[in-house]
N, C-alpha and C. Protein backbone atom coordinates (compact mmCIF):
# COMPACT_ATOMS: atom_id res chain seq x y z
N MET A 1 0.84 -1.18 0.00
CA MET A 1 0.00 0.00 0.00
C MET A 1 0.88 1.24 0.00
N GLY A 2 0.43 2.30 -0.65
CA GLY A 2 1.19 3.53 -0.74
C GLY A 2 1.11 4.36 0.52
N LYS A 3 1.81 5.44 0.51
CA LYS A 3 1.83 6.37 1.64
C LYS A 3 1.24 7.70 1.20
N LEU A 4 0.53 8.33 2.10
CA LEU A 4 -0.02 9.66 1.87
C LEU A 4 0.77 10.64 2.73
N ILE A 5 1.34 11.64 2.09
CA ILE A 5 2.14 12.64 2.81
C ILE A 5 1.56 14.01 2.52
N TRP A 6 1.29 14.75 3.56
CA TRP A 6 0.83 16.13 3.43
C TRP A 6 2.04 17.03 3.54
N LEU A 7 2.27 17.85 2.53
CA LEU A 7 3.39 18.78 2.53
C LEU A 7 2.82 20.18 2.73
N MET A 8 3.04 20.72 3.91
CA MET A 8 2.49 22.03 4.25
C MET A 8 3.60 22.92 4.80
N GLY A 9 3.44 24.22 4.59
CA GLY A 9 4.39 25.17 5.14
C GLY A 9 4.08 26.56 4.62
N PRO A 10 4.67 27.55 5.24
CA PRO A 10 4.42 28.92 4.81
C PRO A 10 5.04 29.20 3.44
N SER A 11 4.60 30.27 2.85
CA SER A 11 5.14 30.71 1.56
C SER A 11 6.64 30.89 1.67
N GLY A 12 7.37 30.36 0.70
CA GLY A 12 8.82 30.52 0.69
C GLY A 12 9.58 29.49 1.50
N SER A 13 8.90 28.48 2.02
CA SER A 13 9.59 27.51 2.88
C SER A 13 10.24 26.36 2.11
N GLY A 14 10.03 26.30 0.77
CA GLY A 14 10.70 25.28 -0.04
C GLY A 14 9.83 24.10 -0.44
N LYS A 15 8.53 24.22 -0.32
CA LYS A 15 7.64 23.12 -0.70
C LYS A 15 7.80 22.75 -2.17
N ASP A 16 7.77 23.73 -3.04
CA ASP A 16 7.90 23.46 -4.48
C ASP A 16 9.27 22.90 -4.81
N SER A 17 10.30 23.36 -4.15
CA SER A 17 11.66 22.84 -4.38
C SER A 17 11.74 21.38 -3.97
N LEU A 18 11.15 21.04 -2.85
CA LEU A 18 11.16 19.66 -2.39
C LEU A 18 10.39 18.76 -3.36
N LEU A 19 9.23 19.21 -3.81
CA LEU A 19 8.46 18.43 -4.78
C LEU A 19 9.22 18.23 -6.08
N ALA A 20 9.89 19.27 -6.55
CA ALA A 20 10.68 19.16 -7.78
C ALA A 20 11.78 18.12 -7.64
N GLU A 21 12.44 18.09 -6.52
CA GLU A 21 13.51 17.12 -6.27
C GLU A 21 12.94 15.70 -6.20
N LEU A 22 11.83 15.53 -5.51
CA LEU A 22 11.20 14.21 -5.42
C LEU A 22 10.74 13.72 -6.78
N ARG A 23 10.23 14.63 -7.61
CA ARG A 23 9.79 14.24 -8.96
C ARG A 23 10.96 13.76 -9.80
N GLN A 24 12.14 14.32 -9.59
CA GLN A 24 13.32 13.88 -10.36
C GLN A 24 13.82 12.53 -9.88
N GLN A 25 13.76 12.28 -8.58
CA GLN A 25 14.31 11.04 -8.02
C GLN A 25 13.40 9.84 -8.22
N GLU A 26 12.10 10.00 -8.04
CA GLU A 26 11.16 8.88 -8.10
C GLU A 26 9.93 9.23 -8.93
N PRO A 27 10.10 9.56 -10.21
CA PRO A 27 8.95 10.02 -10.99
C PRO A 27 7.83 8.99 -11.14
N ALA A 28 8.15 7.72 -11.20
CA ALA A 28 7.13 6.69 -11.39
C ALA A 28 6.37 6.37 -10.10
N GLN A 29 6.96 6.67 -8.97
CA GLN A 29 6.35 6.31 -7.69
C GLN A 29 5.69 7.49 -6.99
N LEU A 30 5.69 8.66 -7.60
CA LEU A 30 5.19 9.86 -6.95
C LEU A 30 3.97 10.39 -7.69
N LEU A 31 2.90 10.56 -6.98
CA LEU A 31 1.69 11.17 -7.51
C LEU A 31 1.39 12.40 -6.67
N VAL A 32 1.35 13.56 -7.30
CA VAL A 32 1.12 14.80 -6.58
C VAL A 32 -0.28 15.31 -6.90
N ALA A 33 -1.07 15.50 -5.87
CA ALA A 33 -2.43 16.01 -6.04
C ALA A 33 -2.38 17.49 -6.40
N HIS A 34 -3.37 17.94 -7.13
CA HIS A 34 -3.47 19.35 -7.50
C HIS A 34 -3.77 20.19 -6.27
N ARG A 35 -3.15 21.36 -6.18
CA ARG A 35 -3.40 22.26 -5.06
C ARG A 35 -4.68 23.04 -5.30
N TYR A 36 -5.44 23.19 -4.25
CA TYR A 36 -6.65 24.02 -4.29
C TYR A 36 -6.55 25.08 -3.20
N ILE A 37 -6.76 26.31 -3.59
CA ILE A 37 -6.74 27.42 -2.64
C ILE A 37 -8.19 27.76 -2.33
N THR A 38 -8.55 27.71 -1.05
CA THR A 38 -9.94 27.88 -0.67
C THR A 38 -10.26 29.25 -0.12
N ARG A 39 -9.26 30.09 0.10
CA ARG A 39 -9.55 31.42 0.63
C ARG A 39 -9.96 32.34 -0.52
N ALA A 40 -10.54 33.45 -0.17
CA ALA A 40 -10.98 34.42 -1.18
C ALA A 40 -9.78 34.98 -1.92
N ALA A 41 -9.94 35.26 -3.21
CA ALA A 41 -8.84 35.76 -4.04
C ALA A 41 -8.39 37.15 -3.60
N ASN A 42 -9.23 37.90 -2.96
CA ASN A 42 -8.87 39.25 -2.55
C ASN A 42 -8.40 39.32 -1.09
N ALA A 43 -7.90 38.21 -0.57
CA ALA A 43 -7.47 38.17 0.82
C ALA A 43 -6.12 38.85 1.04
N GLY A 44 -5.51 39.37 -0.03
CA GLY A 44 -4.24 40.08 0.12
C GLY A 44 -3.02 39.20 0.02
N ASN A 45 -3.18 37.95 -0.35
CA ASN A 45 -2.06 37.02 -0.49
C ASN A 45 -1.95 36.57 -1.93
N GLU A 46 -0.86 35.86 -2.25
CA GLU A 46 -0.71 35.33 -3.60
C GLU A 46 -1.68 34.18 -3.80
N ASN A 47 -2.07 33.93 -5.04
CA ASN A 47 -3.01 32.84 -5.34
C ASN A 47 -2.29 31.66 -5.93
């Protein structure tokens, strides 16, 4: 059975860099779910 890992952290903490590295090392074994942003678009943060 596979493993489910939640990758969370503040903006700029390296989440995308970590995912990019994992995709290079184990592309066939890694499935990344699409990100969904649930806050309002005008909340003053990046989307």
